[in-house]
Amino acid sequence: EIYFKLLEAGVAKECARDILPGCTTTVLTFNGSLRSWLAFLNVRCDHHAQKEVRTIAEAIGEELELKMPNIFSTINWRKGMFM
């Protein structure tokens, strides 16, 4: 209820979410060009990337690999550093 009141008051969604419990489900939608996704995977699959972001990047890479098997059969996106 407080969350919706904050939204009505003009507070940005990302700020209003701070009052929600940590277990609240959030749905994220992303889009981008293949080049952008490859650049993202290149940086975020690297072992230096934050573990939580690496986990998300790996899930995105696996989904892209399912959708575009011909392209992803020619690269090793899991290693990063392919661009």
PDB file of N, CA and C in Angstrom:
ATOM      1  N   GLU A   1       0.834  -1.193   0.000  1.00  0.00           N
ATOM      2  CA  GLU A   1       0.000   0.000   0.000  1.00  0.00           C
ATOM      3  C   GLU A   1       0.878   1.255   0.000  1.00  0.00           C
ATOM      4  N   ILE A   2       1.904   1.230   0.826  1.00  0.00           N
ATOM      5  CA  ILE A   2       2.813   2.379   0.891  1.00  0.00           C
ATOM      6  C   ILE A   2       3.534   2.546  -0.439  1.00  0.00           C
ATOM      7  N   TYR A   3       3.913   1.432  -1.050  1.00  0.00           N
ATOM      8  CA  TYR A   3       4.587   1.457  -2.348  1.00  0.00           C
ATOM      9  C   TYR A   3       3.731   2.207  -3.365  1.00  0.00           C
ATOM     10  N   PHE A   4       2.459   1.859  -3.455  1.00  0.00           N
ATOM     11  CA  PHE A   4       1.572   2.505  -4.425  1.00  0.00           C
ATOM     12  C   PHE A   4       1.348   3.980  -4.089  1.00  0.00           C
ATOM     13  N   LYS A   5       1.324   4.308  -2.816  1.00  0.00           N
ATOM     14  CA  LYS A   5       1.192   5.718  -2.422  1.00  0.00           C
ATOM     15  C   LYS A   5       2.424   6.513  -2.856  1.00  0.00           C
ATOM     16  N   LEU A   6       3.585   5.881  -2.723  1.00  0.00           N
ATOM     17  CA  LEU A   6       4.812   6.544  -3.174  1.00  0.00           C
ATOM     18  C   LEU A   6       4.789   6.776  -4.681  1.00  0.00           C
ATOM     19  N   LEU A   7       4.319   5.779  -5.429  1.00  0.00           N
ATOM     20  CA  LEU A   7       4.215   5.948  -6.884  1.00  0.00           C
ATOM     21  C   LEU A   7       3.259   7.077  -7.231  1.00  0.00           C
ATOM     22  N   GLU A   8       2.129   7.120  -6.550  1.00  0.00           N
ATOM     23  CA  GLU A   8       1.154   8.199  -6.790  1.00  0.00           C
ATOM     24  C   GLU A   8       1.738   9.567  -6.464  1.00  0.00           C
ATOM     25  N   ALA A   9       2.667   9.605  -5.507  1.00  0.00           N
ATOM     26  CA  ALA A   9       3.300  10.868  -5.121  1.00  0.00           C
ATOM     27  C   ALA A   9       4.421  11.256  -6.075  1.00  0.00           C
ATOM     28  N   GLY A  10       4.675  10.396  -7.078  1.00  0.00           N
ATOM     29  CA  GLY A  10       5.687  10.728  -8.075  1.00  0.00           C
ATOM     30  C   GLY A  10       7.072  10.183  -7.794  1.00  0.00           C
ATOM     31  N   VAL A  11       7.198   9.328  -6.787  1.00  0.00           N
ATOM     32  CA  VAL A  11       8.495   8.722  -6.484  1.00  0.00           C
ATOM     33  C   VAL A  11       8.807   7.691  -7.576  1.00  0.00           C
ATOM     34  N   ALA A  12      10.033   7.665  -8.048  1.00  0.00           N
ATOM     35  CA  ALA A  12      10.445   6.713  -9.081  1.00  0.00           C
ATOM     36  C   ALA A  12      10.281   5.289  -8.573  1.00  0.00           C
ATOM     37  N   LYS A  13       9.882   4.374  -9.477  1.00  0.00           N
ATOM     38  CA  LYS A  13       9.647   2.975  -9.094  1.00  0.00           C
ATOM     39  C   LYS A  13      10.859   2.358  -8.411  1.00  0.00           C
ATOM     40  N   GLU A  14      12.053   2.628  -8.962  1.00  0.00           N
ATOM     41  CA  GLU A  14      13.246   2.008  -8.393  1.00  0.00           C
ATOM     42  C   GLU A  14      13.542   2.503  -6.985  1.00  0.00           C
ATOM     43  N   CYS A  15      13.098   3.708  -6.658  1.00  0.00           N
ATOM     44  CA  CYS A  15      13.272   4.227  -5.298  1.00  0.00           C
ATOM     45  C   CYS A  15      12.163   3.728  -4.380  1.00  0.00           C
ATOM     46  N   ALA A  16      10.950   3.691  -4.890  1.00  0.00           N
ATOM     47  CA  ALA A  16       9.811   3.235  -4.084  1.00  0.00           C
ATOM     48  C   ALA A  16       9.979   1.774  -3.684  1.00  0.00           C
ATOM     49  N   ARG A  17      10.641   0.988  -4.522  1.00  0.00           N
ATOM     50  CA  ARG A  17      10.838  -0.438  -4.212  1.00  0.00           C
ATOM     51  C   ARG A  17      11.670  -0.667  -2.962  1.00  0.00           C
ATOM     52  N   ASP A  18      12.397   0.336  -2.520  1.00  0.00           N
ATOM     53  CA  ASP A  18      13.230   0.174  -1.332  1.00  0.00           C
ATOM     54  C   ASP A  18      12.425  -0.202  -0.097  1.00  0.00           C
ATOM     55  N   ILE A  19      11.136   0.088  -0.075  1.00  0.00           N
ATOM     56  CA  ILE A  19      10.335  -0.245   1.104  1.00  0.00           C
ATOM     57  C   ILE A  19       9.753  -1.660   1.029  1.00  0.00           C
ATOM     58  N   LEU A  20       9.877  -2.321  -0.109  1.00  0.00           N
ATOM     59  CA  LEU A  20       9.346  -3.678  -0.262  1.00  0.00           C
ATOM     60  C   LEU A  20      10.283  -4.693   0.379  1.00  0.00           C
ATOM     61  N   PRO A  21       9.726  -5.815   0.871  1.00  0.00           N
ATOM     62  CA  PRO A  21      10.603  -6.856   1.425  1.00  0.00           C
ATOM     63  C   PRO A  21      11.484  -7.452   0.328  1.00  0.00           C
ATOM     64  N   GLY A  22      12.617  -7.973   0.716  1.00  0.00           N
ATOM     65  CA  GLY A  22      13.575  -8.523  -0.232  1.00  0.00           C
ATOM     66  C   GLY A  22      13.063  -9.702  -1.030  1.00  0.00           C
ATOM     67  N   CYS A  23      12.055 -10.378  -0.551  1.00  0.00           N
ATOM     68  CA  CYS A  23      11.567 -11.565  -1.251  1.00  0.00           C
ATOM     69  C   CYS A  23      10.479 -11.235  -2.272  1.00  0.00           C
ATOM     70  N   THR A  24      10.203  -9.960  -2.487  1.00  0.00           N
ATOM     71  CA  THR A  24       9.184  -9.567  -3.450  1.00  0.00           C
ATOM     72  C   THR A  24       9.688  -9.838  -4.868  1.00  0.00           C
ATOM     73  N   THR A  25       8.859 -10.485  -5.672  1.00  0.00           N
ATOM     74  CA  THR A  25       9.237 -10.812  -7.044  1.00  0.00           C
ATOM     75  C   THR A  25       9.261  -9.550  -7.895  1.00  0.00           C
ATOM     76  N   THR A  26      10.305  -9.421  -8.682  1.00  0.00           N
ATOM     77  CA  THR A  26      10.415  -8.321  -9.631  1.00  0.00           C
ATOM     78  C   THR A  26      10.603  -8.911 -11.016  1.00  0.00           C
ATOM     79  N   VAL A  27       9.856  -8.428 -11.978  1.00  0.00           N
ATOM     80  CA  VAL A  27       9.977  -8.889 -13.357  1.00  0.00           C
ATOM     81  C   VAL A  27      10.757  -7.844 -14.136  1.00  0.00           C
ATOM     82  N   LEU A  28      11.803  -8.290 -14.812  1.00  0.00           N
ATOM     83  CA  LEU A  28      12.625  -7.393 -15.614  1.00  0.00           C
ATOM     84  C   LEU A  28      12.475  -7.763 -17.085  1.00  0.00           C
ATOM     85  N   THR A  29      12.408  -6.762 -17.932  1.00  0.00           N
ATOM     86  CA  THR A  29      12.346  -6.974 -19.363  1.00  0.00           C
ATOM     87  C   THR A  29      13.510  -6.215 -20.001  1.00  0.00           C
ATOM     88  N   PHE A  30      14.277  -6.901 -20.829  1.00  0.00           N
ATOM     89  CA  PHE A  30      15.429  -6.301 -21.487  1.00  0.00           C
ATOM     90  C   PHE A  30      15.312  -6.486 -22.986  1.00  0.00           C
ATOM     91  N   ASN A  31      15.896  -5.578 -23.728  1.00  0.00           N
ATOM     92  CA  ASN A  31      16.031  -5.770 -25.165  1.00  0.00           C
ATOM     93  C   ASN A  31      17.310  -5.099 -25.624  1.00  0.00           C
ATOM     94  N   GLY A  32      17.788  -5.494 -26.773  1.00  0.00           N
ATOM     95  CA  GLY A  32      19.004  -4.907 -27.308  1.00  0.00           C
ATOM     96  C   GLY A  32      19.407  -5.623 -28.576  1.00  0.00           C
ATOM     97  N   SER A  33      20.353  -5.064 -29.268  1.00  0.00           N
ATOM     98  CA  SER A  33      20.856  -5.692 -30.490  1.00  0.00           C
ATOM     99  C   SER A  33      21.762  -6.863 -30.111  1.00  0.00           C
ATOM    100  N   LEU A  34      21.993  -7.747 -31.049  1.00  0.00           N
ATOM    101  CA  LEU A  34      22.900  -8.864 -30.798  1.00  0.00           C
ATOM    102  C   LEU A  34      24.285  -8.348 -30.430  1.00  0.00           C
ATOM    103  N   ARG A  35      24.709  -7.315 -31.098  1.00  0.00           N
ATOM    104  CA  ARG A  35      26.026  -6.739 -30.786  1.00  0.00           C
ATOM    105  C   ARG A  35      26.092  -6.268 -29.336  1.00  0.00           C
ATOM    106  N   SER A  36      25.020  -5.627 -28.862  1.00  0.00           N
ATOM    107  CA  SER A  36      24.974  -5.164 -27.476  1.00  0.00           C
ATOM    108  C   SER A  36      25.000  -6.329 -26.492  1.00  0.00           C
ATOM    109  N   TRP A  37      24.251  -7.401 -26.802  1.00  0.00           N
ATOM    110  CA  TRP A  37      24.234  -8.562 -25.920  1.00  0.00           C
ATOM    111  C   TRP A  37      25.597  -9.242 -25.883  1.00  0.00           C
ATOM    112  N   LEU A  38      26.260  -9.334 -27.027  1.00  0.00           N
ATOM    113  CA  LEU A  38      27.590  -9.933 -27.048  1.00  0.00           C
ATOM    114  C   LEU A  38      28.582  -9.098 -26.249  1.00  0.00           C
ATOM    115  N   ALA A  39      28.468  -7.784 -26.339  1.00  0.00           N
ATOM    116  CA  ALA A  39      29.336  -6.905 -25.552  1.00  0.00           C
ATOM    117  C   ALA A  39      29.055  -7.093 -24.054  1.00  0.00           C
ATOM    118  N   PHE A  40      27.774  -7.208 -23.690  1.00  0.00           N
ATOM    119  CA  PHE A  40      27.384  -7.441 -22.300  1.00  0.00           C
ATOM    120  C   PHE A  40      27.978  -8.755 -21.792  1.00  0.00           C
ATOM    121  N   LEU A  41      27.800  -9.829 -22.582  1.00  0.00           N
ATOM    122  CA  LEU A  41      28.327 -11.126 -22.177  1.00  0.00           C
ATOM    123  C   LEU A  41      29.845 -11.102 -22.074  1.00  0.00           C
ATOM    124  N   ASN A  42      30.478 -10.392 -22.985  1.00  0.00           N
ATOM    125  CA  ASN A  42      31.932 -10.295 -22.988  1.00  0.00           C
ATOM    126  C   ASN A  42      32.460  -9.730 -21.675  1.00  0.00           C
ATOM    127  N   VAL A  43      31.778  -8.730 -21.153  1.00  0.00           N
ATOM    128  CA  VAL A  43      32.220  -8.074 -19.921  1.00  0.00           C
ATOM    129  C   VAL A  43      31.711  -8.814 -18.682  1.00  0.00           C
ATOM    130  N   ARG A  44      30.459  -9.222 -18.694  1.00  0.00           N
ATOM    131  CA  ARG A  44      29.831  -9.755 -17.485  1.00  0.00           C
ATOM    132  C   ARG A  44      30.033 -11.245 -17.259  1.00  0.00           C
ATOM    133  N   CYS A  45      30.541 -11.975 -18.240  1.00  0.00           N
ATOM    134  CA  CYS A  45      30.878 -13.386 -18.026  1.00  0.00           C
ATOM    135  C   CYS A  45      32.332 -13.549 -17.599  1.00  0.00           C
ATOM    136  N   ASP A  46      33.066 -12.479 -17.590  1.00  0.00           N
ATOM    137  CA  ASP A  46      34.461 -12.508 -17.174  1.00  0.00           C
ATOM    138  C   ASP A  46      34.545 -12.836 -15.679  1.00  0.00           C
ATOM    139  N   HIS A  47      35.589 -13.537 -15.270  1.00  0.00           N
ATOM    140  CA  HIS A  47      35.714 -13.933 -13.870  1.00  0.00           C
ATOM    141  C   HIS A  47      35.882 -12.742 -12.921  1.00  0.00           C
ATOM    142  N   HIS A  48      36.196 -11.561 -13.441  1.00  0.00           N
ATOM    143  CA  HIS A  48      36.316 -10.364 -12.608  1.00  0.00           C
ATOM    144  C   HIS A  48      34.960  -9.741 -12.280  1.00  0.00           C
ATOM    145  N   ALA A  49      33.922 -10.104 -13.023  1.00  0.00           N
ATOM    146  CA  ALA A  49      32.598  -9.504 -12.821  1.00  0.00           C
ATOM    147  C   ALA A  49      32.003  -9.987 -11.496  1.00  0.00           C
ATOM    148  N   GLN A  50      31.140  -9.163 -10.928  1.00  0.00           N
ATOM    149  CA  GLN A  50      30.441  -9.514  -9.688  1.00  0.00           C
ATOM    150  C   GLN A  50      29.674 -10.825  -9.894  1.00  0.00           C
ATOM    151  N   LYS A  51      29.745 -11.711  -8.912  1.00  0.00           N
ATOM    152  CA  LYS A  51      29.163 -13.049  -9.049  1.00  0.00           C
ATOM    153  C   LYS A  51      27.678 -13.005  -9.406  1.00  0.00           C
ATOM    154  N   GLU A  52      26.907 -12.145  -8.753  1.00  0.00           N
ATOM    155  CA  GLU A  52      25.470 -12.072  -9.014  1.00  0.00           C
ATOM    156  C   GLU A  52      25.187 -11.634 -10.451  1.00  0.00           C
ATOM    157  N   VAL A  53      25.971 -10.700 -10.963  1.00  0.00           N
ATOM    158  CA  VAL A  53      25.799 -10.241 -12.335  1.00  0.00           C
ATOM    159  C   VAL A  53      26.241 -11.325 -13.308  1.00  0.00           C
ATOM    160  N   ARG A  54      27.288 -12.041 -12.960  1.00  0.00           N
ATOM    161  CA  ARG A  54      27.759 -13.153 -13.795  1.00  0.00           C
ATOM    162  C   ARG A  54      26.682 -14.230 -13.925  1.00  0.00           C
ATOM    163  N   THR A  55      25.984 -14.503 -12.840  1.00  0.00           N
ATOM    164  CA  THR A  55      24.898 -15.493 -12.865  1.00  0.00           C
ATOM    165  C   THR A  55      23.791 -15.059 -13.818  1.00  0.00           C
ATOM    166  N   ILE A  56      23.439 -13.785 -13.775  1.00  0.00           N
ATOM    167  CA  ILE A  56      22.414 -13.254 -14.681  1.00  0.00           C
ATOM    168  C   ILE A  56      22.910 -13.312 -16.123  1.00  0.00           C
ATOM    169  N   ALA A  57      24.165 -12.922 -16.345  1.00  0.00           N
ATOM    170  CA  ALA A  57      24.730 -12.931 -17.695  1.00  0.00           C
ATOM    171  C   ALA A  57      24.749 -14.351 -18.260  1.00  0.00           C
ATOM    172  N   GLU A  58      25.071 -15.320 -17.440  1.00  0.00           N
ATOM    173  CA  GLU A  58      25.097 -16.707 -17.909  1.00  0.00           C
ATOM    174  C   GLU A  58      23.695 -17.175 -18.307  1.00  0.00           C
ATOM    175  N   ALA A  59      22.685 -16.787 -17.538  1.00  0.00           N
ATOM    176  CA  ALA A  59      21.305 -17.145 -17.877  1.00  0.00           C
ATOM    177  C   ALA A  59      20.887 -16.491 -19.198  1.00  0.00           C
ATOM    178  N   ILE A  60      21.286 -15.242 -19.393  1.00  0.00           N
ATOM    179  CA  ILE A  60      20.975 -14.541 -20.646  1.00  0.00           C
ATOM    180  C   ILE A  60      21.699 -15.222 -21.811  1.00  0.00           C
ATOM    181  N   GLY A  61      22.972 -15.546 -21.619  1.00  0.00           N
ATOM    182  CA  GLY A  61      23.735 -16.218 -22.666  1.00  0.00           C
ATOM    183  C   GLY A  61      23.133 -17.559 -23.046  1.00  0.00           C
ATOM    184  N   GLU A  62      22.691 -18.316 -22.056  1.00  0.00           N
ATOM    185  CA  GLU A  62      22.066 -19.617 -22.341  1.00  0.00           C
ATOM    186  C   GLU A  62      20.773 -19.447 -23.136  1.00  0.00           C
ATOM    187  N   GLU A  63      19.996 -18.436 -22.796  1.00  0.00           N
ATOM    188  CA  GLU A  63      18.747 -18.179 -23.526  1.00  0.00           C
ATOM    189  C   GLU A  63      19.032 -17.736 -24.958  1.00  0.00           C
ATOM    190  N   LEU A  64      20.014 -16.856 -25.130  1.00  0.00           N
ATOM    191  CA  LEU A  64      20.382 -16.420 -26.473  1.00  0.00           C
ATOM    192  C   LEU A  64      20.911 -17.593 -27.299  1.00  0.00           C
ATOM    193  N   GLU A  65      21.674 -18.467 -26.651  1.00  0.00           N
ATOM    194  CA  GLU A  65      22.215 -19.633 -27.334  1.00  0.00           C
ATOM    195  C   GLU A  65      21.087 -20.552 -27.825  1.00  0.00           C
ATOM    196  N   LEU A  66      20.031 -20.692 -27.031  1.00  0.00           N
ATOM    197  CA  LEU A  66      18.874 -21.486 -27.449  1.00  0.00           C
ATOM    198  C   LEU A  66      18.155 -20.853 -28.636  1.00  0.00           C
ATOM    199  N   LYS A  67      18.053 -19.524 -28.620  1.00  0.00           N
ATOM    200  CA  LYS A  67      17.325 -18.807 -29.667  1.00  0.00           C
ATOM    201  C   LYS A  67      18.124 -18.662 -30.957  1.00  0.00           C
ATOM    202  N   MET A  68      19.462 -18.612 -30.848  1.00  0.00           N
ATOM    203  CA  MET A  68      20.324 -18.392 -32.012  1.00  0.00           C
ATOM    204  C   MET A  68      21.474 -19.395 -32.028  1.00  0.00           C
ATOM    205  N   PRO A  69      21.165 -20.680 -32.186  1.00  0.00           N
ATOM    206  CA  PRO A  69      22.215 -21.702 -32.089  1.00  0.00           C
ATOM    207  C   PRO A  69      23.306 -21.581 -33.148  1.00  0.00           C
ATOM    208  N   ASN A  70      22.978 -21.143 -34.351  1.00  0.00           N
ATOM    209  CA  ASN A  70      23.998 -21.024 -35.402  1.00  0.00           C
ATOM    210  C   ASN A  70      25.062 -20.001 -35.031  1.00  0.00           C
ATOM    211  N   ILE A  71      24.632 -18.869 -34.532  1.00  0.00           N
ATOM    212  CA  ILE A  71      25.585 -17.817 -34.154  1.00  0.00           C
ATOM    213  C   ILE A  71      26.407 -18.253 -32.951  1.00  0.00           C
ATOM    214  N   PHE A  72      25.725 -18.796 -31.946  1.00  0.00           N
ATOM    215  CA  PHE A  72      26.415 -19.123 -30.704  1.00  0.00           C
ATOM    216  C   PHE A  72      27.254 -20.393 -30.794  1.00  0.00           C
ATOM    217  N   SER A  73      27.100 -21.155 -31.872  1.00  0.00           N
ATOM    218  CA  SER A  73      27.961 -22.327 -32.046  1.00  0.00           C
ATOM    219  C   SER A  73      29.366 -21.915 -32.473  1.00  0.00           C
ATOM    220  N   THR A  74      29.533 -20.683 -32.938  1.00  0.00           N
ATOM    221  CA  THR A  74      30.834 -20.220 -33.421  1.00  0.00           C
ATOM    222  C   THR A  74      31.630 -19.445 -32.372  1.00  0.00           C
ATOM    223  N   ILE A  75      31.040 -19.198 -31.224  1.00  0.00           N
ATOM    224  CA  ILE A  75      31.736 -18.425 -30.189  1.00  0.00           C
ATOM    225  C   ILE A  75      31.648 -19.141 -28.850  1.00  0.00           C
ATOM    226  N   ASN A  76      32.588 -18.854 -27.987  1.00  0.00           N
ATOM    227  CA  ASN A  76      32.562 -19.390 -26.629  1.00  0.00           C
ATOM    228  C   ASN A  76      32.237 -18.229 -25.697  1.00  0.00           C
ATOM    229  N   TRP A  77      30.969 -17.891 -25.622  1.00  0.00           N
ATOM    230  CA  TRP A  77      30.541 -16.719 -24.853  1.00  0.00           C
ATOM    231  C   TRP A  77      30.764 -16.889 -23.354  1.00  0.00           C
ATOM    232  N   ARG A  78      30.860 -18.103 -22.868  1.00  0.00           N
ATOM    233  CA  ARG A  78      31.021 -18.331 -21.429  1.00  0.00           C
ATOM    234  C   ARG A  78      32.378 -17.848 -20.910  1.00  0.00           C
ATOM    235  N   LYS A  79      33.353 -17.765 -21.779  1.00  0.00           N
ATOM    236  CA  LYS A  79      34.692 -17.346 -21.378  1.00  0.00           C
ATOM    237  C   LYS A  79      34.859 -15.838 -21.374  1.00  0.00           C
ATOM    238  N   GLY A  80      33.958 -15.104 -22.057  1.00  0.00           N
ATOM    239  CA  GLY A  80      34.190 -13.670 -22.224  1.00  0.00           C
ATOM    240  C   GLY A  80      35.365 -13.458 -23.154  1.00  0.00           C
ATOM    241  N   MET A  81      35.769 -12.251 -23.353  1.00  0.00           N
ATOM    242  CA  MET A  81      36.960 -11.931 -24.136  1.00  0.00           C
ATOM    243  C   MET A  81      36.903 -12.442 -25.566  1.00  0.00           C
ATOM    244  N   PHE A  82      35.755 -12.450 -26.207  1.00  0.00           N
ATOM    245  CA  PHE A  82      35.682 -12.929 -27.587  1.00  0.00           C
ATOM    246  C   PHE A  82      35.525 -11.811 -28.590  1.00  0.00           C
ATOM    247  N   MET A  83      35.509 -10.576 -28.151  1.00  0.00           N
ATOM    248  CA  MET A  83      35.343  -9.470 -29.081  1.00  0.00           C
ATOM    249  C   MET A  83      36.637  -8.729 -29.259  1.00  0.00           C
TER     250      MET A  83
END
